[in-house]
């Protein structure tokens, strides 16, 4: 008599199949239960509605005069917006990349040469550089100066002198119209 015809062997085979099915079902339910228990914790790490509301801002540029700078707040950080004069643009464009500790062309840092948009946080230790207000010391290169440790930035926000390792950050922004931008 063949093994397949033996009633004991066929009963034993179905018991193993049933046991495997129970193991797989119990394992799957464990995974689903664990995911259901962990999901609320993971979901709680998403930003809240008030933070998402601050993720982008629109700024009206029409009141800013040529040569004037304003500061707005985006994501809790100061953002410097400067409407540069022709001389500042020319100096920024003509600066040789070899003179820059963190080489970056002015064209790579602006969408329109007249408007410079930067996160106003020194890349050395997170201070807010001077140079936004009339009468502020603008450093040796006419841009911004961080008095805490002596970092000097040029009219394109590039580090020129001092301990700061990189240029001032350019936030993501886009022109909505000729007189307004959206940051973020």
N, C-alpha and C. Protein backbone atom coordinates (compact mmCIF):
# COMPACT_ATOMS: atom_id res chain seq x y z
N UNK A 1 0.85 -1.17 0.00
CA UNK A 1 0.00 0.00 0.00
C UNK A 1 0.90 1.24 0.00
N UNK A 2 0.57 2.23 -0.83
CA UNK A 2 1.38 3.44 -0.94
C UNK A 2 1.12 4.36 0.24
N UNK A 3 2.08 5.28 0.50
CA UNK A 3 1.94 6.20 1.64
C UNK A 3 0.71 7.09 1.50
N UNK A 4 0.36 7.45 0.27
CA UNK A 4 -0.79 8.31 0.06
C UNK A 4 -2.10 7.61 0.42
N UNK A 5 -2.13 6.28 0.40
CA UNK A 5 -3.36 5.56 0.67
C UNK A 5 -3.54 5.29 2.15
N UNK A 6 -2.53 5.47 2.95
CA UNK A 6 -2.59 5.22 4.39
C UNK A 6 -3.36 6.34 5.06
N UNK A 7 -4.49 6.03 5.72
CA UNK A 7 -5.28 7.08 6.35
C UNK A 7 -4.52 7.83 7.43
N UNK A 8 -3.58 7.20 8.14
CA UNK A 8 -2.81 7.89 9.18
C UNK A 8 -1.94 8.99 8.57
N UNK A 9 -1.29 8.66 7.45
CA UNK A 9 -0.41 9.65 6.80
C UNK A 9 -1.19 10.84 6.28
N UNK A 10 -2.37 10.62 5.72
CA UNK A 10 -3.15 11.74 5.18
C UNK A 10 -3.67 12.63 6.31
N UNK A 11 -4.04 12.05 7.45
CA UNK A 11 -4.49 12.86 8.59
C UNK A 11 -3.34 13.67 9.15
N UNK A 12 -2.15 13.06 9.19
CA UNK A 12 -0.98 13.76 9.71
C UNK A 12 -0.63 14.94 8.79
N UNK A 13 -0.76 14.75 7.51
CA UNK A 13 -0.46 15.81 6.54
C UNK A 13 -1.39 16.99 6.70
N UNK A 14 -2.68 16.75 6.91
CA UNK A 14 -3.60 17.87 7.05
C UNK A 14 -3.39 18.59 8.38
N UNK A 15 -2.90 17.88 9.40
CA UNK A 15 -2.60 18.53 10.68
C UNK A 15 -1.45 19.50 10.55
N UNK A 16 -0.43 19.14 9.79
CA UNK A 16 0.70 20.03 9.57
C UNK A 16 0.26 21.26 8.78
N UNK A 17 -0.58 21.08 7.80
CA UNK A 17 -1.07 22.20 6.99
C UNK A 17 -1.90 23.14 7.85
N UNK A 18 -2.72 22.54 8.72
CA UNK A 18 -3.55 23.35 9.61
C UNK A 18 -2.66 24.12 10.59
N UNK A 19 -1.64 23.49 11.12
CA UNK A 19 -0.72 24.15 12.06
C UNK A 19 0.01 25.30 11.37
N UNK A 20 0.49 25.10 10.13
CA UNK A 20 1.17 26.16 9.39
C UNK A 20 0.23 27.33 9.14
N UNK A 21 -1.03 27.01 8.80
CA UNK A 21 -2.02 28.06 8.59
C UNK A 21 -2.24 28.87 9.87
N UNK A 22 -2.32 28.20 11.01
CA UNK A 22 -2.53 28.90 12.28
C UNK A 22 -1.33 29.78 12.63
N UNK A 23 -0.11 29.25 12.39
CA UNK A 23 1.10 30.05 12.63
C UNK A 23 1.11 31.30 11.75
N UNK A 24 0.83 31.13 10.46
CA UNK A 24 0.82 32.28 9.55
C UNK A 24 -0.25 33.29 9.93
N UNK A 25 -1.44 32.79 10.29
CA UNK A 25 -2.53 33.69 10.69
C UNK A 25 -2.16 34.45 11.97
N UNK A 26 -1.63 33.74 12.96
CA UNK A 26 -1.24 34.39 14.22
C UNK A 26 -0.13 35.42 13.97
N UNK A 27 0.84 35.09 13.12
CA UNK A 27 1.92 36.04 12.80
C UNK A 27 1.39 37.28 12.10
N UNK A 28 0.48 37.07 11.15
CA UNK A 28 -0.09 38.21 10.42
C UNK A 28 -0.88 39.11 11.36
N UNK A 29 -1.65 38.51 12.25
CA UNK A 29 -2.44 39.31 13.20
C UNK A 29 -1.53 40.07 14.16
N UNK A 30 -0.40 39.47 14.53
CA UNK A 30 0.57 40.15 15.40
C UNK A 30 1.13 41.39 14.70
N UNK A 31 1.49 41.23 13.43
CA UNK A 31 2.04 42.35 12.67
C UNK A 31 1.00 43.47 12.53
N UNK A 32 -0.24 43.11 12.20
CA UNK A 32 -1.30 44.11 12.06
C UNK A 32 -1.56 44.80 13.40
N UNK A 33 -1.59 44.05 14.47
CA UNK A 33 -1.80 44.64 15.80
C UNK A 33 -0.68 45.57 16.21
N UNK A 34 0.57 45.17 15.93
CA UNK A 34 1.72 46.02 16.27
C UNK A 34 1.68 47.31 15.45
N UNK A 35 1.37 47.20 14.16
CA UNK A 35 1.30 48.39 13.32
C UNK A 35 0.18 49.32 13.81
N UNK A 36 -0.94 48.75 14.21
CA UNK A 36 -2.05 49.55 14.72
C UNK A 36 -1.70 50.26 16.02
N UNK A 37 -0.87 49.62 16.83
CA UNK A 37 -0.46 50.23 18.10
C UNK A 37 0.61 51.30 17.90
N UNK A 38 1.49 51.10 16.92
CA UNK A 38 2.62 52.02 16.71
C UNK A 38 2.21 53.23 15.87
N UNK A 39 1.23 53.06 14.96
CA UNK A 39 0.86 54.15 14.05
C UNK A 39 0.52 55.46 14.76
N UNK A 40 -0.28 55.47 15.83
CA UNK A 40 -0.57 56.76 16.48
C UNK A 40 0.70 57.47 16.97
N UNK A 41 1.68 56.70 17.44
CA UNK A 41 2.92 57.31 17.90
C UNK A 41 3.67 57.92 16.72
N UNK A 42 3.76 57.23 15.62
CA UNK A 42 4.44 57.75 14.43
C UNK A 42 3.70 58.96 13.89
N UNK A 43 2.37 58.89 13.83
CA UNK A 43 1.57 59.99 13.32
C UNK A 43 1.70 61.24 14.19
N UNK A 44 1.96 61.08 15.48
CA UNK A 44 2.10 62.23 16.36
C UNK A 44 3.38 63.03 16.08
N UNK A 45 4.31 62.45 15.33
CA UNK A 45 5.55 63.15 14.99
C UNK A 45 5.37 64.08 13.79
N UNK A 46 4.25 64.03 13.10
CA UNK A 46 3.98 64.95 12.00
C UNK A 46 3.79 66.35 12.55
N UNK A 47 4.13 67.38 11.75
CA UNK A 47 3.95 68.75 12.24
C UNK A 47 2.48 69.07 12.46
N UNK A 48 2.22 69.90 13.46
CA UNK A 48 0.85 70.29 13.77
C UNK A 48 0.34 71.30 12.75
N UNK A 49 -0.94 71.58 12.79
CA UNK A 49 -1.57 72.48 11.82
C UNK A 49 -0.97 73.88 11.88
N UNK A 50 -0.66 74.38 13.09
CA UNK A 50 -0.10 75.73 13.20
C UNK A 50 1.31 75.80 12.60
N UNK A 51 2.06 74.73 12.71
CA UNK A 51 3.40 74.70 12.11
C UNK A 51 3.29 74.63 10.60
N UNK A 52 2.38 73.81 10.09
CA UNK A 52 2.19 73.72 8.65
C UNK A 52 1.73 75.06 8.06
N UNK A 53 0.96 75.80 8.82
CA UNK A 53 0.51 77.11 8.35
C UNK A 53 1.68 78.06 8.15
N UNK A 54 2.73 77.89 8.94
CA UNK A 54 3.90 78.75 8.84
C UNK A 54 4.93 78.22 7.84
N UNK A 55 4.65 77.11 7.18
CA UNK A 55 5.63 76.51 6.30
C UNK A 55 5.90 77.35 5.06
N UNK A 56 4.97 78.23 4.71
CA UNK A 56 5.22 79.15 3.61
C UNK A 56 4.53 80.48 3.92
N UNK A 57 5.14 81.55 3.44
CA UNK A 57 4.56 82.88 3.61
C UNK A 57 4.66 83.63 2.29
N UNK A 58 3.75 84.55 2.11
CA UNK A 58 3.78 85.44 0.95
C UNK A 58 4.20 86.82 1.43
N UNK A 59 5.08 87.44 0.67
CA UNK A 59 5.60 88.76 1.05
C UNK A 59 5.35 89.73 -0.10
N UNK A 60 4.74 90.87 0.23
CA UNK A 60 4.52 91.94 -0.73
C UNK A 60 5.80 92.77 -0.81
N UNK A 61 6.39 92.84 -1.99
CA UNK A 61 7.66 93.55 -2.16
C UNK A 61 7.48 95.01 -2.57
N UNK A 62 6.26 95.41 -2.92
CA UNK A 62 6.04 96.75 -3.46
C UNK A 62 6.45 97.89 -2.53
N UNK A 63 6.32 97.76 -1.19
CA UNK A 63 6.74 98.91 -0.36
C UNK A 63 8.26 99.02 -0.16
N UNK A 64 9.03 98.05 -0.63
CA UNK A 64 10.48 98.07 -0.40
C UNK A 64 11.15 98.93 -1.47
N UNK A 65 11.83 99.98 -1.00
CA UNK A 65 12.53 100.90 -1.90
C UNK A 65 13.87 100.30 -2.34
N UNK A 66 14.41 100.81 -3.45
CA UNK A 66 15.72 100.37 -3.92
C UNK A 66 16.75 100.73 -2.84
N UNK A 67 17.57 99.78 -2.45
CA UNK A 67 18.58 99.97 -1.41
C UNK A 67 18.09 99.64 -0.02
N UNK A 68 16.82 99.31 0.14
CA UNK A 68 16.24 99.02 1.45
C UNK A 68 16.23 97.52 1.71
N UNK A 69 16.31 97.17 2.99
CA UNK A 69 16.21 95.78 3.44
C UNK A 69 15.08 95.65 4.44
N UNK A 70 14.39 94.51 4.41
CA UNK A 70 13.37 94.22 5.41
C UNK A 70 13.63 92.81 5.96
N UNK A 71 13.08 92.58 7.13
CA UNK A 71 13.19 91.27 7.76
C UNK A 71 11.79 90.74 8.00
N UNK A 72 11.55 89.51 7.54
CA UNK A 72 10.29 88.82 7.81
C UNK A 72 10.63 87.53 8.56
N UNK A 73 9.64 86.93 9.18
CA UNK A 73 9.88 85.69 9.91
C UNK A 73 9.24 84.53 9.15
N UNK A 74 10.03 83.49 8.94
CA UNK A 74 9.58 82.28 8.26
C UNK A 74 10.11 81.08 9.04
N UNK A 75 9.21 80.21 9.48
CA UNK A 75 9.57 79.04 10.28
C UNK A 75 10.37 79.42 11.52
N UNK A 76 10.06 80.55 12.09
CA UNK A 76 10.72 80.99 13.31
C UNK A 76 12.10 81.59 13.08
N UNK A 77 12.49 81.77 11.83
CA UNK A 77 13.81 82.33 11.51
C UNK A 77 13.65 83.67 10.81
N UNK A 78 14.60 84.59 11.02
CA UNK A 78 14.54 85.84 10.27
C UNK A 78 14.96 85.60 8.82
N UNK A 79 14.23 86.20 7.90
CA UNK A 79 14.59 86.15 6.49
C UNK A 79 14.84 87.57 6.04
N UNK A 80 16.03 87.79 5.49
CA UNK A 80 16.42 89.11 5.00
C UNK A 80 16.01 89.23 3.53
N UNK A 81 15.30 90.30 3.21
CA UNK A 81 14.96 90.59 1.82
C UNK A 81 15.56 91.96 1.51
N UNK A 82 16.46 92.00 0.55
CA UNK A 82 17.13 93.25 0.20
C UNK A 82 16.88 93.55 -1.28
N UNK A 83 16.45 94.77 -1.52
CA UNK A 83 16.32 95.25 -2.90
C UNK A 83 17.62 95.97 -3.22
N UNK A 84 18.47 95.28 -3.92
CA UNK A 84 19.83 95.76 -4.13
C UNK A 84 19.91 96.87 -5.18
N UNK A 85 20.87 97.77 -4.95
CA UNK A 85 21.15 98.82 -5.92
C UNK A 85 22.08 98.24 -6.98
N UNK A 86 22.18 98.93 -8.11
CA UNK A 86 22.97 98.44 -9.24
C UNK A 86 24.43 98.19 -8.85
N UNK A 87 24.98 99.03 -8.01
CA UNK A 87 26.38 98.88 -7.58
C UNK A 87 26.57 97.58 -6.79
N UNK A 88 25.63 97.27 -5.88
CA UNK A 88 25.72 96.02 -5.10
C UNK A 88 25.65 94.80 -6.01
N UNK A 89 24.77 94.87 -7.01
CA UNK A 89 24.63 93.75 -7.95
C UNK A 89 25.92 93.57 -8.74
N UNK A 90 26.48 94.67 -9.24
CA UNK A 90 27.71 94.60 -10.04
C UNK A 90 28.86 94.03 -9.23
N UNK A 91 29.01 94.48 -7.98
CA UNK A 91 30.10 93.97 -7.13
C UNK A 91 29.90 92.48 -6.88
N UNK A 92 28.67 92.07 -6.60
CA UNK A 92 28.41 90.65 -6.32
C UNK A 92 28.68 89.78 -7.54
N UNK A 93 28.31 90.28 -8.73
CA UNK A 93 28.51 89.49 -9.95
C UNK A 93 29.98 89.43 -10.37
N UNK A 94 30.76 90.47 -10.05
CA UNK A 94 32.15 90.54 -10.49
C UNK A 94 33.13 89.88 -9.52
N UNK A 95 32.68 89.48 -8.36
CA UNK A 95 33.58 88.87 -7.38
C UNK A 95 34.12 87.55 -7.90
N UNK A 96 35.44 87.40 -7.97
CA UNK A 96 36.01 86.13 -8.44
C UNK A 96 35.71 85.00 -7.46
N UNK A 97 35.32 83.85 -7.97
CA UNK A 97 35.00 82.69 -7.12
C UNK A 97 36.21 82.25 -6.30
N UNK A 98 37.40 82.50 -6.78
CA UNK A 98 38.62 82.12 -6.06
C UNK A 98 38.76 82.89 -4.75
N UNK A 99 38.10 84.05 -4.65
CA UNK A 99 38.17 84.86 -3.43
C UNK A 99 37.18 84.40 -2.36
N UNK A 100 36.34 83.42 -2.66
CA UNK A 100 35.26 83.02 -1.76
C UNK A 100 35.58 81.71 -1.04
N UNK A 101 35.45 81.68 0.29
CA UNK A 101 35.65 80.42 1.03
C UNK A 101 34.62 79.35 0.67
N UNK A 102 33.40 79.78 0.35
CA UNK A 102 32.32 78.87 -0.08
C UNK A 102 31.86 79.36 -1.45
N UNK A 103 32.59 78.97 -2.53
CA UNK A 103 32.33 79.55 -3.85
C UNK A 103 30.91 79.28 -4.36
N UNK A 104 30.24 80.37 -4.72
CA UNK A 104 28.91 80.30 -5.29
C UNK A 104 28.68 81.59 -6.05
N UNK A 105 28.23 81.50 -7.30
CA UNK A 105 28.00 82.71 -8.08
C UNK A 105 26.76 83.44 -7.57
N UNK A 106 26.71 84.72 -7.86
CA UNK A 106 25.54 85.52 -7.48
C UNK A 106 24.30 85.02 -8.23
N UNK A 107 24.47 84.60 -9.47
CA UNK A 107 23.35 84.08 -10.27
C UNK A 107 22.70 82.87 -9.63
N UNK A 108 23.49 82.04 -8.95
CA UNK A 108 22.96 80.85 -8.29
C UNK A 108 22.18 81.19 -7.01
N UNK A 109 22.33 82.40 -6.52
CA UNK A 109 21.74 82.78 -5.24
C UNK A 109 20.49 83.65 -5.38
N UNK A 110 20.21 84.14 -6.59
CA UNK A 110 19.07 85.03 -6.78
C UNK A 110 18.21 84.56 -7.96
N UNK A 111 16.93 84.89 -7.92
CA UNK A 111 16.03 84.63 -9.06
C UNK A 111 16.04 85.85 -9.99
N UNK A 112 15.99 87.03 -9.36
CA UNK A 112 16.10 88.30 -10.09
C UNK A 112 17.21 89.08 -9.40
N UNK A 113 18.17 89.61 -10.16
CA UNK A 113 19.34 90.27 -9.56
C UNK A 113 19.01 91.36 -8.55
N UNK A 114 17.91 92.05 -8.76
CA UNK A 114 17.53 93.16 -7.87
C UNK A 114 17.15 92.67 -6.47
N UNK A 115 16.61 91.46 -6.37
CA UNK A 115 16.09 90.95 -5.10
C UNK A 115 16.97 89.85 -4.54
N UNK A 116 17.41 90.03 -3.29
CA UNK A 116 18.19 89.02 -2.58
C UNK A 116 17.37 88.56 -1.38
N UNK A 117 17.17 87.25 -1.27
CA UNK A 117 16.38 86.67 -0.18
C UNK A 117 17.27 85.65 0.53
N UNK A 118 17.49 85.87 1.84
CA UNK A 118 18.40 85.04 2.63
C UNK A 118 17.81 84.71 3.99
N UNK A 119 18.16 83.55 4.53
CA UNK A 119 17.85 83.25 5.93
C UNK A 119 18.90 84.00 6.74
N UNK A 120 18.46 84.88 7.61
CA UNK A 120 19.36 85.75 8.37
C UNK A 120 19.92 85.11 9.61
N UNK A 121 20.58 83.97 9.45
CA UNK A 121 21.19 83.28 10.58
C UNK A 121 22.63 82.96 10.19
N UNK A 122 23.58 83.46 10.98
CA UNK A 122 25.00 83.23 10.72
C UNK A 122 25.27 81.73 10.74
N UNK A 123 26.04 81.28 9.77
CA UNK A 123 26.30 79.84 9.65
C UNK A 123 27.41 79.37 10.59
N UNK A 124 27.93 80.25 11.43
CA UNK A 124 28.93 79.83 12.39
C UNK A 124 28.27 79.27 13.65
N UNK A 125 27.55 80.12 14.38
CA UNK A 125 26.91 79.65 15.61
C UNK A 125 25.45 80.08 15.73
N UNK A 126 24.84 80.51 14.62
CA UNK A 126 23.41 80.80 14.64
C UNK A 126 23.01 82.17 15.13
N UNK A 127 23.91 83.13 15.14
CA UNK A 127 23.57 84.50 15.53
C UNK A 127 22.84 85.18 14.37
N UNK A 128 22.25 86.33 14.63
CA UNK A 128 21.61 87.11 13.57
C UNK A 128 22.56 88.25 13.21
N UNK A 129 23.10 88.26 12.01
CA UNK A 129 24.05 89.30 11.61
C UNK A 129 23.41 90.68 11.51
N UNK A 130 24.24 91.70 11.69
CA UNK A 130 23.82 93.09 11.52
C UNK A 130 23.91 93.45 10.04
N UNK A 131 23.17 94.49 9.64
CA UNK A 131 23.25 94.98 8.28
C UNK A 131 21.90 95.23 7.66
N UNK A 132 20.84 94.94 8.38
CA UNK A 132 19.50 95.15 7.86
C UNK A 132 19.01 96.57 8.07
N UNK A 133 19.39 97.19 9.16
CA UNK A 133 18.89 98.52 9.49
C UNK A 133 19.86 99.59 9.00
N UNK A 134 19.32 100.76 8.74
CA UNK A 134 20.16 101.90 8.39
C UNK A 134 21.05 102.21 9.59
N UNK A 135 22.32 102.34 9.37
CA UNK A 135 23.25 102.63 10.45
C UNK A 135 23.93 101.39 11.02
N UNK A 136 23.42 100.20 10.69
CA UNK A 136 24.09 98.96 11.13
C UNK A 136 25.43 98.82 10.42
N UNK A 137 26.38 98.24 11.13
CA UNK A 137 27.65 97.92 10.50
C UNK A 137 27.40 96.79 9.51
N UNK A 138 27.82 96.98 8.26
CA UNK A 138 27.57 96.01 7.21
C UNK A 138 28.79 95.15 6.91
N UNK A 139 29.84 95.30 7.68
CA UNK A 139 31.04 94.50 7.46
C UNK A 139 31.92 95.07 6.37
N UNK A 140 33.02 94.41 6.12
CA UNK A 140 34.02 94.88 5.17
C UNK A 140 33.57 94.77 3.71
N UNK A 141 32.51 94.04 3.45
CA UNK A 141 32.10 93.79 2.06
C UNK A 141 30.70 94.32 1.74
N UNK A 142 30.16 95.18 2.61
CA UNK A 142 28.90 95.86 2.35
C UNK A 142 27.64 95.03 2.50
N UNK A 143 27.75 93.84 3.03
CA UNK A 143 26.57 92.98 3.18
C UNK A 143 26.09 92.93 4.61
N UNK A 144 26.58 91.93 5.36
CA UNK A 144 26.17 91.74 6.75
C UNK A 144 27.40 91.43 7.58
N UNK A 145 27.30 91.73 8.87
CA UNK A 145 28.40 91.51 9.79
C UNK A 145 27.86 90.85 11.05
N UNK A 146 28.45 89.74 11.46
CA UNK A 146 28.06 89.07 12.69
C UNK A 146 29.05 89.48 13.78
N UNK A 147 28.64 90.34 14.72
CA UNK A 147 29.58 90.86 15.71
C UNK A 147 30.01 89.84 16.75
N UNK A 148 29.28 88.75 16.88
CA UNK A 148 29.62 87.76 17.91
C UNK A 148 31.01 87.16 17.68
N UNK A 149 31.31 86.81 16.44
CA UNK A 149 32.60 86.17 16.15
C UNK A 149 33.31 86.76 14.94
N UNK A 150 32.73 87.80 14.35
CA UNK A 150 33.43 88.54 13.29
C UNK A 150 33.28 88.00 11.88
N UNK A 151 32.18 87.36 11.55
CA UNK A 151 31.97 86.89 10.17
C UNK A 151 31.47 88.05 9.31
N UNK A 152 32.04 88.20 8.11
CA UNK A 152 31.67 89.25 7.17
C UNK A 152 31.06 88.59 5.93
N UNK A 153 29.89 89.08 5.52
CA UNK A 153 29.21 88.57 4.33
C UNK A 153 29.12 89.68 3.31
N UNK A 154 29.17 89.32 2.02
CA UNK A 154 29.09 90.34 0.96
C UNK A 154 27.65 90.63 0.57
N UNK A 155 27.45 91.40 -0.50
CA UNK A 155 26.12 91.83 -0.92
C UNK A 155 25.31 90.71 -1.59
N UNK A 156 25.87 89.52 -1.61
CA UNK A 156 25.14 88.35 -2.08
C UNK A 156 24.95 87.34 -0.94
N UNK A 157 25.35 87.73 0.29
CA UNK A 157 25.21 86.85 1.45
C UNK A 157 26.26 85.75 1.50
N UNK A 158 27.36 85.94 0.78
CA UNK A 158 28.43 84.93 0.77
C UNK A 158 29.47 85.27 1.83
N UNK A 159 29.95 84.25 2.51
CA UNK A 159 30.98 84.46 3.55
C UNK A 159 32.26 84.93 2.86
N UNK A 160 32.86 85.98 3.42
CA UNK A 160 34.10 86.50 2.86
C UNK A 160 35.24 86.47 3.86
N UNK A 161 34.89 86.60 5.16
CA UNK A 161 35.93 86.69 6.19
C UNK A 161 35.31 86.27 7.51
N UNK A 162 36.09 85.56 8.33
CA UNK A 162 35.60 85.16 9.64
C UNK A 162 35.40 83.65 9.75
N UNK A 163 34.90 83.20 10.89
CA UNK A 163 34.81 81.76 11.14
C UNK A 163 33.63 81.03 10.51
N UNK A 164 32.65 81.74 9.96
CA UNK A 164 31.49 81.06 9.37
C UNK A 164 31.95 80.17 8.22
N UNK A 165 31.51 78.91 8.21
CA UNK A 165 32.00 77.97 7.19
C UNK A 165 31.30 78.08 5.84
N UNK A 166 30.05 78.57 5.83
CA UNK A 166 29.29 78.60 4.57
C UNK A 166 28.56 79.93 4.42
N UNK A 167 28.04 80.14 3.22
CA UNK A 167 27.26 81.33 2.90
C UNK A 167 25.94 81.33 3.67
N UNK A 168 25.31 82.50 3.78
CA UNK A 168 23.97 82.56 4.34
C UNK A 168 23.05 81.74 3.44
N UNK A 169 22.14 81.01 4.04
CA UNK A 169 21.25 80.12 3.30
C UNK A 169 20.24 80.90 2.48
N UNK A 170 19.97 80.43 1.27
CA UNK A 170 18.90 80.98 0.44
C UNK A 170 17.70 80.06 0.61
N UNK A 171 16.59 80.57 1.16
CA UNK A 171 15.42 79.70 1.35
C UNK A 171 14.75 79.42 0.01
N UNK A 172 13.94 78.38 -0.05
CA UNK A 172 13.19 78.17 -1.30
C UNK A 172 12.14 79.27 -1.45
N UNK A 173 12.17 79.95 -2.57
CA UNK A 173 11.19 81.01 -2.80
C UNK A 173 10.90 81.11 -4.29
N UNK A 174 9.76 81.72 -4.61
CA UNK A 174 9.38 81.92 -6.00
C UNK A 174 8.60 83.23 -6.11
N UNK A 175 8.76 83.89 -7.24
CA UNK A 175 8.01 85.11 -7.51
C UNK A 175 6.60 84.73 -7.95
N UNK A 176 5.60 85.25 -7.26
CA UNK A 176 4.20 85.04 -7.64
C UNK A 176 3.81 86.09 -8.69
N UNK A 177 4.26 87.32 -8.45
CA UNK A 177 4.09 88.43 -9.40
C UNK A 177 5.41 89.20 -9.37
N UNK A 178 5.46 90.31 -10.08
CA UNK A 178 6.68 91.14 -10.03
C UNK A 178 6.89 91.75 -8.66
N UNK A 179 5.80 91.87 -7.86
CA UNK A 179 5.88 92.53 -6.56
C UNK A 179 5.54 91.64 -5.39
N UNK A 180 5.56 90.33 -5.56
CA UNK A 180 5.31 89.45 -4.41
C UNK A 180 6.03 88.12 -4.59
N UNK A 181 6.47 87.57 -3.46
CA UNK A 181 7.15 86.28 -3.47
C UNK A 181 6.49 85.36 -2.45
N UNK A 182 6.68 84.07 -2.67
CA UNK A 182 6.24 83.07 -1.70
C UNK A 182 7.50 82.35 -1.23
N UNK A 183 7.72 82.40 0.08
CA UNK A 183 8.88 81.74 0.68
C UNK A 183 8.39 80.41 1.27
N UNK A 184 9.06 79.36 0.93
CA UNK A 184 8.71 78.03 1.44
C UNK A 184 7.92 77.21 0.49
